[in-house]
Protein backbone atom coordinates (compact mmCIF):
# COMPACT_ATOMS: atom_id res chain seq x y z
CA MET A 1 18.72 18.89 10.85
CA ILE A 2 18.17 15.20 10.23
CA ILE A 3 14.93 13.65 8.89
CA ARG A 4 14.48 9.96 9.49
CA ARG A 5 11.78 7.33 9.73
CA LEU A 6 10.89 5.97 13.16
CA THR A 7 10.71 2.32 14.07
CA SER A 8 7.55 1.18 15.79
CA GLU A 9 9.00 1.27 19.33
CA GLU A 10 10.53 4.71 18.78
CA ARG A 11 7.05 6.18 18.47
CA LEU A 12 6.67 5.72 22.24
CA THR A 13 9.43 8.21 23.00
CA HIS A 14 9.68 10.37 19.87
CA SER A 15 6.38 11.07 18.07
CA PHE A 16 3.60 10.11 20.50
CA PRO A 17 4.66 12.51 23.30
CA LEU A 18 5.11 15.38 20.84
CA GLN A 19 1.70 14.75 19.27
CA ALA A 20 0.09 14.46 22.69
CA TYR A 21 1.48 17.88 23.64
CA ALA A 22 0.09 19.39 20.42
CA PHE A 23 -3.39 17.83 20.47
CA GLU A 24 -4.27 16.82 24.06
CA ALA A 25 -4.52 18.24 27.56
CA SER A 26 -1.08 19.06 28.88
CA PRO A 27 0.94 18.18 30.89
CA MET A 28 -0.26 14.66 30.29
CA ALA A 29 -0.87 12.24 33.12
CA ALA A 30 1.75 9.59 33.81
CA SER A 31 -0.80 6.92 32.88
CA ARG A 32 -0.93 8.34 29.35
CA VAL A 33 2.58 7.05 28.70
CA ASP A 34 1.42 3.51 29.45
CA GLU A 35 -1.48 3.94 27.04
CA PHE A 36 0.87 4.78 24.19
CA ARG A 37 2.08 1.17 23.96
CA ALA A 38 -1.49 -0.05 23.42
CA TYR A 39 -1.65 2.19 20.33
CA LEU A 40 1.33 0.64 18.59
CA PRO A 41 -0.52 -2.14 16.72
CA TYR A 42 -2.84 0.45 15.15
CA HIS A 43 0.15 2.38 13.79
CA ALA A 44 2.01 -0.67 12.51
CA GLY A 45 1.78 0.20 8.80
CA ASN A 46 2.07 3.97 9.15
CA ARG A 47 5.08 5.94 7.99
CA THR A 48 6.25 8.36 10.68
CA LEU A 49 9.06 10.79 9.98
CA VAL A 50 10.75 13.08 12.49
CA VAL A 51 13.12 16.02 12.36
CA GLU A 52 15.94 15.70 14.86
CA GLU A 53 18.27 18.41 16.09
CA ASP A 54 21.02 17.52 18.56
CA ASP A 55 19.26 14.19 19.24
CA VAL A 56 16.02 15.99 20.18
CA THR A 57 12.80 15.38 18.22
CA ALA A 58 11.89 18.78 16.81
CA ALA A 59 8.90 17.78 14.64
CA ALA A 60 6.95 14.71 13.56
CA ALA A 61 4.46 13.76 10.84
CA THR A 62 2.71 10.52 9.94
CA ALA A 63 1.16 9.14 6.76
CA ILE A 64 -1.54 6.45 6.96
CA PRO A 65 -1.82 4.28 3.82
CA MET A 66 -5.53 4.61 3.02
CA ARG A 67 -7.89 4.34 0.04
CA GLN A 68 -10.28 7.00 -1.26
CA ASN A 69 -12.99 7.19 -3.90
CA LEU A 70 -12.41 9.93 -6.46
CA ARG A 71 -15.43 10.22 -8.76
CA GLY A 72 -15.99 6.48 -8.75
CA ARG A 73 -12.37 5.25 -8.81
CA VAL A 74 -10.82 3.89 -5.60
CA LEU A 75 -7.22 5.07 -5.36
CA PRO A 76 -4.38 4.83 -2.83
CA MET A 77 -4.49 7.88 -0.55
CA ALA A 78 -1.98 9.09 2.04
CA GLY A 79 -3.81 10.28 5.15
CA VAL A 80 -1.51 12.81 6.83
CA ALA A 81 -1.87 12.99 10.62
CA GLY A 82 0.00 13.79 13.81
CA VAL A 83 1.84 16.79 12.39
CA ALA A 84 3.43 18.38 15.45
CA THR A 85 6.42 20.56 16.32
CA HIS A 86 8.31 21.02 19.57
CA PRO A 87 7.25 24.39 21.06
CA LEU A 88 10.84 25.65 20.97
CA ALA A 89 11.29 24.63 17.33
CA ARG A 90 8.16 26.12 15.74
CA ARG A 91 8.17 28.43 12.70
CA ARG A 92 11.54 27.19 11.50
CA GLY A 93 10.41 25.25 8.42
CA HIS A 94 10.49 21.78 9.96
CA VAL A 95 6.94 20.86 8.96
CA ARG A 96 7.56 21.97 5.39
CA ALA A 97 10.64 19.76 5.15
CA LEU A 98 8.79 16.83 6.73
CA LEU A 99 5.78 17.10 4.44
CA HIS A 100 7.93 17.31 1.35
CA GLN A 101 9.79 14.13 2.22
CA LEU A 102 6.74 12.30 3.58
CA LEU A 103 4.65 12.98 0.48
CA ASP A 104 7.63 12.27 -1.80
CA GLU A 105 7.88 8.82 -0.28
CA MET A 106 4.14 8.11 -0.32
CA ARG A 107 3.89 9.24 -3.94
CA GLU A 108 6.75 6.98 -4.93
CA GLU A 109 4.84 4.09 -3.36
CA GLY A 110 1.83 4.79 -5.55
CA HIS A 111 -0.37 7.06 -3.45
CA THR A 112 -1.97 9.42 -5.96
CA LEU A 113 -4.16 11.28 -3.42
CA THR A 114 -3.63 12.71 0.04
CA ALA A 115 -5.96 14.14 2.68
CA LEU A 116 -5.68 15.61 6.17
CA TYR A 117 -7.41 17.61 8.89
CA PRO A 118 -5.43 20.89 9.10
CA PHE A 119 -4.37 22.89 12.11
CA ARG A 120 -4.66 25.90 9.76
CA ALA A 121 -6.21 25.57 6.30
CA SER A 122 -4.24 28.41 4.75
CA PHE A 123 -0.97 26.72 5.73
CA TYR A 124 -1.87 23.54 3.86
CA GLU A 125 -3.34 25.39 0.89
CA ARG A 126 0.24 26.41 0.16
CA PHE A 127 1.00 22.71 -0.15
CA GLY A 128 -1.74 22.28 -2.75
CA TYR A 129 -4.53 21.09 -0.46
CA VAL A 130 -8.10 22.32 -0.87
CA GLY A 131 -11.00 22.18 1.57
CA LEU A 132 -13.63 19.44 1.53
CA PRO A 133 -17.10 19.69 3.13
CA ALA A 134 -17.24 19.25 6.88
CA ARG A 135 -19.62 16.65 8.22
CA ARG A 136 -22.79 17.93 9.86
CA ALA A 137 -24.10 17.41 13.39
CA ALA A 138 -27.86 17.15 13.89
CA VAL A 139 -29.33 17.40 17.39
CA PHE A 140 -33.00 16.66 18.15
CA SER A 141 -35.32 15.06 20.67
CA PRO A 142 -36.21 11.38 20.28
CA ALA A 143 -39.83 12.41 20.92
CA ASP A 144 -39.89 14.13 17.53
CA LEU A 145 -39.20 10.79 15.84
CA ALA A 146 -42.51 9.35 17.15
CA PRO A 147 -44.23 9.32 13.72
CA LEU A 148 -41.67 6.76 12.56
CA LEU A 149 -42.90 4.29 15.17
CA ARG A 150 -46.08 3.91 13.10
CA ALA A 151 -44.24 3.44 9.81
CA GLU A 152 -44.06 0.00 8.22
CA LEU A 153 -40.56 -0.27 6.82
CA PRO A 154 -38.99 -3.06 4.78
CA GLY A 155 -36.33 -5.26 6.34
CA GLU A 156 -35.16 -5.32 9.93
CA VAL A 157 -32.58 -3.78 12.23
CA VAL A 158 -29.83 -5.67 14.02
CA TRP A 159 -28.44 -4.35 17.32
CA GLU A 160 -25.15 -5.58 18.79
CA ARG A 161 -21.85 -4.46 20.28
CA VAL A 162 -19.50 -3.21 17.60
CA GLY A 163 -16.92 -5.79 18.66
CA ALA A 164 -19.30 -8.58 17.69
CA GLY A 165 -20.57 -6.87 14.53
CA TYR A 166 -17.29 -5.39 13.36
CA GLN A 167 -17.00 -7.54 10.24
CA THR A 168 -20.47 -6.47 9.13
CA TRP A 169 -19.49 -2.83 9.66
CA ARG A 170 -16.21 -3.23 7.80
CA VAL A 171 -17.82 -4.92 4.81
CA TYR A 172 -20.48 -2.23 4.61
CA THR A 173 -18.02 0.67 4.79
CA GLU A 174 -15.92 -1.05 2.11
CA ARG A 175 -19.01 -1.02 -0.12
CA CYS A 176 -19.53 2.67 0.66
CA LEU A 177 -15.92 3.24 -0.38
CA HIS A 178 -16.66 1.92 -3.86
CA GLU A 179 -19.95 3.78 -4.23
CA ARG A 180 -19.46 7.23 -2.69
CA HIS A 181 -17.30 10.06 -4.02
CA GLY A 182 -14.66 11.22 -1.54
CA PHE A 183 -15.23 8.32 0.87
CA ALA A 184 -12.04 7.04 2.53
CA VAL A 185 -11.36 4.11 4.84
CA PHE A 186 -8.54 3.08 7.11
CA PRO A 187 -6.25 0.14 6.38
CA ASP A 188 -7.12 -3.03 8.29
CA PHE A 189 -4.44 -2.55 10.95
CA ARG A 190 -5.99 0.80 11.93
CA ALA A 191 -9.65 -0.02 11.38
CA VAL A 192 -9.66 -2.93 13.87
CA GLY A 193 -9.19 -0.44 16.69
CA LEU A 194 -12.96 0.08 16.59
CA ARG A 195 -13.48 -3.62 17.19
CA ASP A 196 -10.86 -3.88 19.90
CA ARG A 197 -12.09 -0.87 21.88
CA ASP A 198 -15.64 -2.24 21.66
CA ASP A 199 -17.00 0.99 23.15
CA ARG A 200 -19.90 1.49 20.73
CA TRP A 201 -23.18 -0.14 19.83
CA LEU A 202 -23.62 -1.07 16.18
CA LEU A 203 -27.03 -0.72 14.58
CA THR A 204 -27.53 -2.04 11.05
CA ALA A 205 -30.50 -1.96 8.69
CA VAL A 206 -30.81 -5.23 6.78
CA ARG A 207 -33.00 -5.90 3.76
CA ASP A 208 -33.14 -9.17 1.83
CA GLY A 209 -30.07 -10.33 3.71
CA GLU A 210 -27.98 -7.29 2.75
CA THR A 211 -26.82 -4.44 4.97
CA VAL A 212 -28.30 -1.20 3.64
CA GLY A 213 -27.55 1.15 6.53
CA ALA A 214 -25.39 1.33 9.62
CA VAL A 215 -24.45 3.59 12.50
CA THR A 216 -22.34 3.22 15.63
CA TYR A 217 -23.34 5.02 18.79
CA ARG A 218 -23.05 5.30 22.56
CA ILE A 219 -25.22 6.74 25.35
CA ASP A 220 -23.47 9.05 27.79
CA ASP A 221 -25.97 8.70 30.66
CA HIS A 222 -29.60 8.17 31.57
CA GLY A 223 -31.40 11.38 30.68
CA GLY A 224 -28.40 12.48 28.63
CA GLU A 225 -27.46 12.09 24.99
CA LEU A 226 -27.44 9.28 22.49
CA ILE A 227 -24.31 10.18 20.54
CA ALA A 228 -24.12 8.60 17.11
CA ASP A 229 -21.16 8.58 14.77
CA ASP A 230 -21.70 8.99 11.02
CA LEU A 231 -25.08 7.70 9.91
CA LEU A 232 -24.70 5.71 6.69
CA ALA A 233 -27.75 4.70 4.67
CA ASP A 234 -28.32 3.53 1.11
CA ASP A 235 -31.77 5.11 0.82
CA PRO A 236 -34.56 6.80 2.83
CA TYR A 237 -35.99 3.44 3.95
CA ALA A 238 -32.69 2.41 5.51
CA ARG A 239 -32.28 5.79 7.19
CA ALA A 240 -35.84 5.66 8.54
CA SER A 241 -35.23 2.18 9.96
CA LEU A 242 -32.24 3.42 11.94
CA LEU A 243 -34.11 6.49 13.17
CA GLN A 244 -37.13 4.38 14.11
CA PHE A 245 -34.89 2.41 16.47
CA PHE A 246 -33.62 5.66 18.04
CA ALA A 247 -37.23 6.79 18.54
CA ARG A 248 -37.63 3.98 21.07
CA HIS A 249 -35.21 5.79 23.40
CA VAL A 250 -37.66 8.59 24.19
CA ASP A 251 -37.79 7.67 27.90
CA GLN A 252 -34.05 7.06 28.15
CA VAL A 253 -32.27 10.06 26.64
CA GLU A 254 -33.10 13.74 26.27
CA ARG A 255 -31.31 14.31 22.99
CA ILE A 256 -29.95 12.46 19.99
CA ARG A 257 -26.81 13.78 18.35
CA LEU A 258 -26.01 12.40 14.87
CA HIS A 259 -23.14 13.08 12.53
CA LEU A 260 -24.11 13.29 8.88
CA PRO A 261 -22.65 13.83 5.40
CA ALA A 262 -23.03 17.34 4.00
CA ASP A 263 -25.76 16.25 1.57
CA GLU A 264 -28.19 15.10 4.28
CA LEU A 265 -31.09 17.46 5.08
CA PRO A 266 -32.51 16.37 8.45
CA GLU A 267 -34.86 19.36 8.53
CA LEU A 268 -36.83 17.55 5.79
CA TRP A 269 -36.92 14.10 7.38
CA LEU A 270 -40.19 14.64 9.29
CA THR A 271 -42.83 17.36 9.45
CA ASP A 272 -42.45 18.40 13.09
CA LEU A 273 -38.81 17.53 13.66
CA ALA A 274 -37.23 20.38 15.61
CA VAL A 275 -33.57 19.97 14.75
CA GLN A 276 -30.37 21.95 15.09
CA VAL A 277 -28.02 21.30 12.18
CA GLU A 278 -24.46 22.56 12.41
CA ALA A 279 -21.24 22.28 10.47
CA ARG A 280 -18.73 23.66 12.92
CA VAL A 281 -15.33 24.70 11.63
CA SER A 282 -12.98 26.41 14.06
CA ARG A 283 -9.28 27.01 14.51
CA PRO A 284 -7.91 25.28 16.44
CA GLY A 285 -10.02 22.29 17.32
CA SER A 286 -12.63 21.56 14.65
CA PRO A 287 -11.16 21.76 11.14
CA ALA A 288 -12.84 20.77 7.91
CA PRO A 289 -10.82 18.19 5.96
CA MET A 290 -8.59 19.00 3.02
CA ALA A 291 -7.29 16.91 0.12
CA ARG A 292 -5.19 17.15 -3.02
CA LEU A 293 -3.95 15.20 -6.01
CA LEU A 294 -0.40 13.89 -5.62
CA SER A 295 -0.17 12.61 -9.18
CA LEU A 296 -1.99 13.24 -12.45
CA ASP A 297 -2.39 9.46 -12.64
CA ALA A 298 -5.36 10.00 -10.30
CA LEU A 299 -7.24 11.74 -13.13
CA ALA A 300 -6.70 9.17 -15.87
CA GLY A 301 -9.90 7.24 -16.55
CA LEU A 302 -12.23 9.33 -14.39
CA PRO A 303 -15.76 9.74 -15.79
CA ALA A 304 -15.88 13.08 -17.59
CA GLY A 305 -18.03 15.17 -19.87
CA ALA A 306 -17.02 15.99 -23.43
CA GLY A 307 -14.66 18.82 -22.56
CA ARG A 308 -11.17 19.56 -23.83
CA VAL A 309 -8.78 21.96 -22.18
CA ALA A 310 -5.08 22.54 -21.64
CA VAL A 311 -3.95 23.14 -18.09
CA GLU A 312 -0.65 24.69 -17.13
CA LEU A 313 0.18 23.57 -13.59
CA VAL A 314 2.40 25.96 -11.67
CA GLY A 315 3.99 26.42 -8.28
CA ASP A 316 3.90 22.81 -7.11
CA ARG A 317 6.46 20.18 -6.18
CA TRP A 318 4.48 17.23 -7.56
CA LEU A 319 2.23 18.59 -10.32
CA ALA A 320 3.86 20.75 -12.97
CA GLY A 321 3.92 21.37 -16.69
CA THR A 322 1.28 21.70 -19.38
CA HIS A 323 -1.15 18.87 -20.06
CA LEU A 324 -4.17 18.30 -22.25
CA LEU A 325 -7.30 17.03 -20.50
CA ASP A 326 -9.71 15.35 -22.91
CA GLY A 327 -13.08 13.84 -22.02
CA ALA A 328 -14.30 13.04 -25.54
CA THR A 329 -14.63 9.31 -24.81
CA GLY A 330 -16.52 9.82 -21.53
CA ARG A 331 -13.36 8.95 -19.61
CA LEU A 332 -10.72 11.54 -18.86
CA GLU A 333 -7.46 11.29 -20.76
CA VAL A 334 -4.37 13.16 -19.57
CA LEU A 335 -2.11 13.83 -22.53
CA PRO A 336 1.35 15.44 -22.63
CA GLY A 337 1.86 19.08 -23.42
CA ASP A 338 2.97 18.42 -27.00
CA ALA A 339 -0.60 17.28 -27.76
CA VAL A 340 -1.89 20.81 -27.08
CA VAL A 341 -2.85 22.84 -30.16
CA SER A 342 -3.37 26.58 -30.29
CA THR A 343 -7.15 26.30 -30.60
CA VAL A 344 -7.55 24.53 -27.24
CA PRO A 345 -8.57 26.79 -24.31
CA THR A 346 -5.89 27.01 -21.63
CA ALA A 347 -6.16 27.51 -17.86
CA THR A 348 -3.29 28.12 -15.47
CA LEU A 349 -3.88 26.26 -12.21
CA THR A 350 -2.17 25.66 -8.92
CA ALA A 351 -2.29 22.17 -7.43
CA ALA A 352 -5.03 23.34 -5.09
CA GLY A 353 -7.00 24.69 -8.03
CA LEU A 354 -6.82 21.44 -9.99
CA SER A 355 -7.57 19.43 -6.84
CA ALA A 356 -10.65 21.59 -6.18
CA LEU A 357 -11.96 20.78 -9.65
CA ALA A 358 -11.15 17.08 -9.42
CA TYR A 359 -12.91 16.73 -6.06
CA GLY A 360 -15.77 18.87 -7.34
CA VAL A 361 -15.78 21.39 -4.51
CA LEU A 362 -15.21 24.59 -6.52
CA ASP A 363 -16.49 25.95 -9.82
CA PRO A 364 -13.76 27.17 -12.22
CA ALA A 365 -14.85 30.75 -11.51
CA GLU A 366 -14.40 30.14 -7.78
CA VAL A 367 -10.93 28.76 -8.47
CA ALA A 368 -10.03 32.08 -10.07
CA ILE A 369 -11.71 34.15 -7.35
CA ARG A 370 -9.79 32.25 -4.67
CA GLY A 371 -6.48 32.93 -6.42
CA LEU A 372 -5.93 29.26 -7.22
CA GLY A 373 -5.51 29.83 -10.93
CA GLU A 374 -6.27 31.92 -13.98
CA VAL A 375 -9.29 30.54 -15.82
CA PRO A 376 -10.52 32.36 -18.94
CA ALA A 377 -14.21 31.99 -19.78
CA ASP A 378 -13.65 29.47 -22.61
CA ALA A 379 -11.44 27.29 -20.40
CA ALA A 380 -13.99 27.50 -17.56
CA THR A 381 -16.68 26.12 -19.87
CA GLU A 382 -14.53 23.12 -20.77
CA LEU A 383 -13.50 22.49 -17.16
CA ARG A 384 -17.16 22.45 -16.07
CA ARG A 385 -17.81 19.73 -18.63
CA LEU A 386 -14.83 17.70 -17.50
CA PHE A 387 -15.38 18.17 -13.76
CA PRO A 388 -19.06 18.61 -12.83
CA ARG A 389 -19.63 19.82 -9.29
CA ALA A 390 -19.72 16.99 -6.77
CA LEU A 391 -20.01 16.69 -3.00
CA PRO A 392 -17.24 14.52 -1.52
CA TYR A 393 -17.72 12.86 1.87
CA LEU A 394 -14.41 11.88 3.47
CA PHE A 395 -15.94 9.82 6.34
CA ALA A 396 -12.65 8.68 7.91
CA ASP A 397 -11.62 10.90 10.80
CA PHE A 398 -7.87 10.96 11.51
């Protein structure tokens, strides 16, 4: 077995066909091969590794160099995608070997976080990943938005093709990256695909010359659906401005389908809004995202409560040993094991357990219940102070 990194052109014959077999209709049409070449510019900065056996590609995996907000700090994050194995080479450990080397290399380059959309969550939990909230889908009739047509809202909305408004969209999502926990964005070489495809409308809410909300969308047919991607809004006024625009489509589409962060409550937007809200997670096909820490450097300097606890990290390739976590200054300090004294509460955590606390998705008691660590009551109290519950929103879909 040989693991090596592909050149850009090799993706056409090595990784793309294998990934297409794993994630698309199959056998693929001959025209699909021609489409692969058009994808190359959007993979230019990715790292793609393959396992080869007897000159045949047995497995492939890709890392996208991204950035993610972890409790207010924007850190380099490796977005893992395109993990696929030849049907005759499955269940032989190829993906494990690929992930170890891929994440080794990304960590060495300074990526302290990693995220992915799993084919099976339990498989990646063994690699230290923990689940993040899935985005919601809200479906409703534009007629139910009618009350918003009478509302006087500050600012204005701007409507244009996403190709023309791409820079506005990019700047706004960059601001969201710095303001929203868990938010992740693509590198420029990947993000411009949205501009180049130009297959969406872009609607922005603008107030005092500043973008305060944005959503991309398309309409599938007259009398059909207005299908919106993630609705981003700074505040209720911005959200209402975007929805007010959609209300004007009452005689054009039957339904509006919006994607939303997990903390949005569309059932409370309007009094008579009949809405179906769903977070669909299925295997295969519709996974919730997962993420993990790749380095303890990701924790240093995070905002933290005045907790103090020792954590013994076990069973992981990248996080191991005993460390003291101290939030006395309001910023988390990660100190070596020799700073631990006998009076400090101690928790034993897996990488998934520590990642769950850092991302704010599990309480320390849930970490123990899930088998992701051993957390005595005194250590749980300190960990709650250090890592208050939070609701991450990954945003980027890869």
